[in-house]
Amino acid sequence: MLFLFYPRGRFAQLEDGSWYVKTRALGFQPYFDNGFPHGVDQWISGAATGWATMALTLASTTPGPAAASAGVQ
């Protein structure tokens, strides 16, 4: 399913390398800054950046011999 999201999603990456996602969480959690950009939206944006990194890595690499022997295509 990566092919459904990758072409459109690759343009959403910001100049600093992060991916911004607006939070949908209710405001009952106390806010504290962990150093990731995007202020109150930093937790979901951090997760989105991690998922995007994994997806882009999979999309940009070819399987090696170990992956081929494991049945990965």
N, C-alpha and C. Protein backbone atom coordinates (compact mmCIF):
# COMPACT_ATOMS: atom_id res chain seq x y z
N MET A 1 0.81 -1.20 0.00
CA MET A 1 0.00 0.00 0.00
C MET A 1 0.85 1.26 0.00
N LEU A 2 2.14 1.11 0.11
CA LEU A 2 3.02 2.27 0.11
C LEU A 2 2.83 3.13 -1.13
N PHE A 3 2.61 2.48 -2.27
CA PHE A 3 2.48 3.23 -3.52
C PHE A 3 1.30 4.19 -3.51
N LEU A 4 0.31 3.96 -2.67
CA LEU A 4 -0.83 4.87 -2.59
C LEU A 4 -0.48 6.18 -1.90
N PHE A 5 0.48 6.15 -0.99
CA PHE A 5 0.78 7.32 -0.17
C PHE A 5 2.09 8.00 -0.55
N TYR A 6 3.04 7.26 -1.05
CA TYR A 6 4.37 7.81 -1.28
C TYR A 6 4.38 8.97 -2.27
N PRO A 7 3.81 8.85 -3.48
CA PRO A 7 3.92 9.97 -4.42
C PRO A 7 3.33 11.26 -3.89
N ARG A 8 2.23 11.18 -3.20
CA ARG A 8 1.59 12.37 -2.66
C ARG A 8 2.30 12.84 -1.40
N GLY A 9 2.72 11.92 -0.55
CA GLY A 9 3.30 12.26 0.74
C GLY A 9 4.71 12.81 0.68
N ARG A 10 5.46 12.49 -0.33
CA ARG A 10 6.85 12.95 -0.36
C ARG A 10 6.95 14.46 -0.44
N PHE A 11 5.90 15.13 -0.86
CA PHE A 11 5.92 16.59 -0.95
C PHE A 11 5.55 17.25 0.37
N ALA A 12 5.17 16.48 1.38
CA ALA A 12 4.76 17.03 2.66
C ALA A 12 5.93 17.17 3.63
N GLN A 13 7.10 16.71 3.25
CA GLN A 13 8.26 16.81 4.14
C GLN A 13 8.73 18.26 4.18
N LEU A 14 8.98 18.76 5.39
CA LEU A 14 9.41 20.14 5.56
C LEU A 14 10.92 20.27 5.37
N GLU A 15 11.39 21.49 5.27
CA GLU A 15 12.82 21.75 5.04
C GLU A 15 13.72 21.17 6.13
N ASP A 16 13.22 21.11 7.37
CA ASP A 16 14.05 20.57 8.46
C ASP A 16 14.04 19.05 8.49
N GLY A 17 13.34 18.40 7.57
CA GLY A 17 13.29 16.95 7.49
C GLY A 17 12.11 16.33 8.22
N SER A 18 11.36 17.12 8.97
CA SER A 18 10.23 16.59 9.73
C SER A 18 8.96 16.60 8.88
N TRP A 19 7.95 15.93 9.38
CA TRP A 19 6.64 15.86 8.73
C TRP A 19 5.62 16.38 9.72
N TYR A 20 4.91 17.43 9.38
CA TYR A 20 3.94 18.04 10.30
C TYR A 20 2.59 17.34 10.20
N VAL A 21 2.05 16.97 11.36
CA VAL A 21 0.71 16.41 11.46
C VAL A 21 0.02 17.13 12.61
N LYS A 22 -1.18 17.63 12.37
CA LYS A 22 -1.94 18.31 13.43
C LYS A 22 -2.53 17.27 14.37
N THR A 23 -2.37 17.52 15.65
CA THR A 23 -2.88 16.58 16.64
C THR A 23 -4.40 16.61 16.70
N ARG A 24 -4.99 15.45 17.03
CA ARG A 24 -6.43 15.37 17.26
C ARG A 24 -6.72 15.04 18.71
N ALA A 25 -5.66 14.99 19.53
CA ALA A 25 -5.82 14.65 20.94
C ALA A 25 -6.51 15.78 21.69
N LEU A 26 -7.25 15.41 22.71
CA LEU A 26 -7.88 16.40 23.57
C LEU A 26 -6.81 17.07 24.42
N GLY A 27 -7.09 18.27 24.86
CA GLY A 27 -6.09 19.05 25.58
C GLY A 27 -5.94 18.75 27.05
N PHE A 28 -6.25 17.54 27.50
CA PHE A 28 -6.14 17.25 28.93
C PHE A 28 -4.73 16.81 29.33
N GLN A 29 -3.87 16.49 28.36
CA GLN A 29 -2.50 16.12 28.69
C GLN A 29 -1.69 17.39 28.93
N PRO A 30 -0.85 17.39 29.97
CA PRO A 30 0.00 18.57 30.19
C PRO A 30 1.04 18.67 29.06
N TYR A 31 1.22 19.85 28.55
CA TYR A 31 2.16 20.06 27.45
C TYR A 31 3.56 20.30 27.99
N PHE A 32 4.53 19.66 27.40
CA PHE A 32 5.93 20.00 27.64
C PHE A 32 6.69 19.81 26.34
N ASP A 33 7.70 20.63 26.16
CA ASP A 33 8.46 20.63 24.92
C ASP A 33 9.57 19.59 24.99
N ASN A 34 9.57 18.66 24.03
CA ASN A 34 10.62 17.64 24.00
C ASN A 34 11.72 17.96 22.99
N GLY A 35 11.65 19.14 22.35
CA GLY A 35 12.68 19.56 21.43
C GLY A 35 12.37 19.30 19.97
N PHE A 36 11.33 18.53 19.68
CA PHE A 36 10.94 18.29 18.29
C PHE A 36 10.15 19.50 17.81
N PRO A 37 10.25 19.87 16.54
CA PRO A 37 9.50 21.04 16.06
C PRO A 37 7.98 20.83 16.11
N HIS A 38 7.23 21.87 15.92
CA HIS A 38 5.78 21.89 15.76
C HIS A 38 4.99 22.04 17.05
N GLY A 39 5.63 22.47 18.13
CA GLY A 39 4.92 22.83 19.35
C GLY A 39 4.01 21.76 19.89
N VAL A 40 2.71 22.08 20.07
CA VAL A 40 1.77 21.13 20.67
C VAL A 40 1.52 19.93 19.77
N ASP A 41 1.90 20.00 18.53
CA ASP A 41 1.71 18.90 17.59
C ASP A 41 2.97 18.04 17.44
N GLN A 42 3.95 18.22 18.34
CA GLN A 42 5.24 17.56 18.16
C GLN A 42 5.18 16.04 18.35
N TRP A 43 4.32 15.52 19.20
CA TRP A 43 4.30 14.07 19.44
C TRP A 43 3.81 13.32 18.22
N ILE A 44 2.70 13.74 17.64
CA ILE A 44 2.18 13.06 16.45
C ILE A 44 3.07 13.33 15.25
N SER A 45 3.66 14.51 15.17
CA SER A 45 4.58 14.82 14.07
C SER A 45 5.84 13.98 14.17
N GLY A 46 6.31 13.72 15.38
CA GLY A 46 7.47 12.85 15.56
C GLY A 46 7.19 11.43 15.10
N ALA A 47 6.00 10.93 15.44
CA ALA A 47 5.61 9.60 14.98
C ALA A 47 5.48 9.57 13.46
N ALA A 48 4.89 10.61 12.89
CA ALA A 48 4.74 10.67 11.43
C ALA A 48 6.09 10.72 10.75
N THR A 49 7.04 11.43 11.32
CA THR A 49 8.38 11.51 10.75
C THR A 49 9.04 10.13 10.77
N GLY A 50 8.85 9.39 11.85
CA GLY A 50 9.41 8.04 11.93
C GLY A 50 8.81 7.11 10.89
N TRP A 51 7.48 7.13 10.76
CA TRP A 51 6.81 6.28 9.76
C TRP A 51 7.22 6.68 8.35
N ALA A 52 7.31 7.97 8.10
CA ALA A 52 7.71 8.44 6.76
C ALA A 52 9.13 8.00 6.44
N THR A 53 10.01 8.06 7.42
CA THR A 53 11.39 7.62 7.21
C THR A 53 11.44 6.14 6.85
N MET A 54 10.67 5.32 7.56
CA MET A 54 10.64 3.89 7.24
C MET A 54 10.07 3.64 5.85
N ALA A 55 9.00 4.33 5.50
CA ALA A 55 8.38 4.14 4.19
C ALA A 55 9.30 4.58 3.06
N LEU A 56 9.95 5.72 3.23
CA LEU A 56 10.86 6.20 2.19
C LEU A 56 12.09 5.30 2.06
N THR A 57 12.55 4.75 3.17
CA THR A 57 13.67 3.82 3.13
C THR A 57 13.30 2.57 2.35
N LEU A 58 12.13 2.03 2.62
CA LEU A 58 11.68 0.84 1.89
C LEU A 58 11.48 1.14 0.41
N ALA A 59 10.99 2.32 0.10
CA ALA A 59 10.72 2.67 -1.29
C ALA A 59 11.99 2.97 -2.07
N SER A 60 13.06 3.32 -1.39
CA SER A 60 14.27 3.75 -2.09
C SER A 60 15.36 2.70 -2.14
N THR A 61 15.15 1.53 -1.55
CA THR A 61 16.18 0.51 -1.55
C THR A 61 15.72 -0.73 -2.31
N THR A 62 16.68 -1.48 -2.78
CA THR A 62 16.38 -2.75 -3.41
C THR A 62 16.76 -3.86 -2.44
N PRO A 63 16.00 -4.94 -2.41
CA PRO A 63 16.32 -6.02 -1.48
C PRO A 63 17.67 -6.65 -1.79
N GLY A 64 18.41 -6.96 -0.76
CA GLY A 64 19.70 -7.61 -0.92
C GLY A 64 19.55 -9.12 -0.91
N PRO A 65 20.66 -9.85 -0.92
CA PRO A 65 20.60 -11.31 -0.95
C PRO A 65 19.88 -11.91 0.26
N ALA A 66 20.06 -11.32 1.44
CA ALA A 66 19.39 -11.86 2.63
C ALA A 66 17.89 -11.72 2.51
N ALA A 67 17.42 -10.60 1.99
CA ALA A 67 15.98 -10.40 1.82
C ALA A 67 15.43 -11.34 0.77
N ALA A 68 16.18 -11.58 -0.28
CA ALA A 68 15.72 -12.48 -1.34
C ALA A 68 15.58 -13.90 -0.82
N SER A 69 16.50 -14.34 0.02
CA SER A 69 16.42 -15.70 0.56
C SER A 69 15.30 -15.84 1.58
N ALA A 70 14.87 -14.72 2.17
CA ALA A 70 13.77 -14.75 3.13
C ALA A 70 12.41 -14.63 2.44
N GLY A 71 12.41 -14.47 1.13
CA GLY A 71 11.16 -14.39 0.39
C GLY A 71 10.62 -12.98 0.24
N VAL A 72 11.41 -11.97 0.57
CA VAL A 72 10.97 -10.58 0.44
C VAL A 72 11.12 -10.17 -1.02
N GLN A 73 10.09 -9.52 -1.55
CA GLN A 73 10.15 -9.10 -2.95
C GLN A 73 10.14 -7.62 -3.08
